Amino acid sequence: MKASVETHILRILLVCILLLVGLILWVNLSPHLPDTTSVDVQSESYVIMRFEDGEVLSSKEKDAQIYPASMTKMMTAILAIENYEDLEEVIEVPYSIFPALYAQDASRAGFEPGERVPYRDILYGILLPSGCECCETAAYLTAGSDETFVEWMNEKAASLGMDHTHFANATGLHDSNHYTTTYDLALLLRYCLQNETFYEVFTTSSYLTTPSNIHPEGMILRSTMREELSDISTGDVEILGGKTGFTSFAGLCLASLGEVNGERYIVVNAGAPGDHGTEPYHILDAITLYQSLS
């Protein structure tokens, strides 16, 4: 009887030891996820997503409805790439798109009505200086109209699982029926970056356009994010590319790709306070979020 009790106790001890060893191994061998729960940022919502596998490492109000402003142009650019056969074809920037853009005081890259440039230059105009005339040109040339292009945008969003997104235009100009979430935009950006052409344009700092009938020496198109980032220290973080956004309704926004400790991440943050005349809180927040991973 005594031997039986001792044997039972030994078995219990052995089980406990095995469980303890298993717990130690699980803690040490499981993927390390950085603790970003206490990151202090001013953006109302954000997502940190690992580029490699799409895993969300940290978020704040990731499914809250936001206005995407010019981050919309990521969708515009990928559809422009996927739906035009020859990116080197010389096209003409339509006269018809400009009256509405002038009336809305929309941001422009600098292309003029009737300017003849390779289609590829339009892509750089969409993503670097955030040119609305480039968005409308792409919509017209690929879909025949802005309305049809917007239908494509919503179809693409649905196919990517962007369940809380609805687009109303190709530019990101404010519309109450034009909304998304930071999580949906992270899904979109991860998809876009798997396209070689999109990745190249998105991660470019500046680009000299081809000489044209309007600009015989070409134009230098600069990334709006790079211009604001130039005087800011990022420490050990390398921000590879980004698309900024701002309206009075959206606040300051940024969708970006960065590298920390040799691994790439996507950060989308939105609703930061300020405007083009204040500190770039959207960029400062993104840097803080990337640094939380190191």
Foldseek 3Di string as FASTA:
>chain_A
DVVVVVVVVVVVVVVVVVVVVVVVCCVVVPDDQFPPVPQDAQFQKKWKAFLVPRDTRDIHPQFPKFQPFLLLLLLLLLCLVVQDDDQQDKDFQAPVVPVVCVVLVHFAQDDDHGKIFGNLVLSLRCFARNHPSSSQSSCCVRQVHQVRVQVVSVVVLVVLVQPNAHDDGRRSPDDPRGIGGNSSSQSSVSVSCVDPSSVVSQQDAWDFTDQIPVRNRGDIGGHPVCVLCVPPDLPQKAWRGWGWRDDPRWATWIWTWIDHPRGIMIMTTTDRHDDPVDRNSRSVSVSSSNVSRD
